[in-house]
């Protein structure tokens, strides 16, 4: 195994003046650093909880959408949600239908989404073809306030566990 790694280092070596041992140490350090980051994200992910939103959290949820609109505008997407989308009435409708979920980190809400396993009327007619005709889950209006790294990804992974056909 060591010789294969050494061969790959030599093969891929460009104009780097480092010795093979130095190159191997750098790769080991990078791998170790990557594992540390992965473990930190895993620990953080283990503390994240996705659950149904509660009516008492509606103002906080609307604040997350307001933060997301600011972020979207600042990063070149000013028109998707504009100044007032999603509207409170739409979020209340998601809540009443049982489709509104929040993701918490250490009991603080950092992400919100609408998730349902249901046929979406807007997807009935598309330009193209679906991969299959099986039941599917839909994620809409996902937004984060940026307080926890990876919260939106955690929500998507959670939804995928519930319904892999997304």
Foldseek 3Di string as FASTA:
>chain_A
DVVVLLVVCVVPPDPDPDDSVVVVVVVVVVVVVVVVVVVVVVVQLVQKDKDQDDPVCLVVQVVQVQLQQVVCVVVPRCPPQHRAPPHSVVVVVLNVVRQKMFMDGPNHTFKIKGKDQDDDVVPPDDDDDDPDDDTAMDIPDIGGNPPGPCRSVSVVVVNCVVGVRD
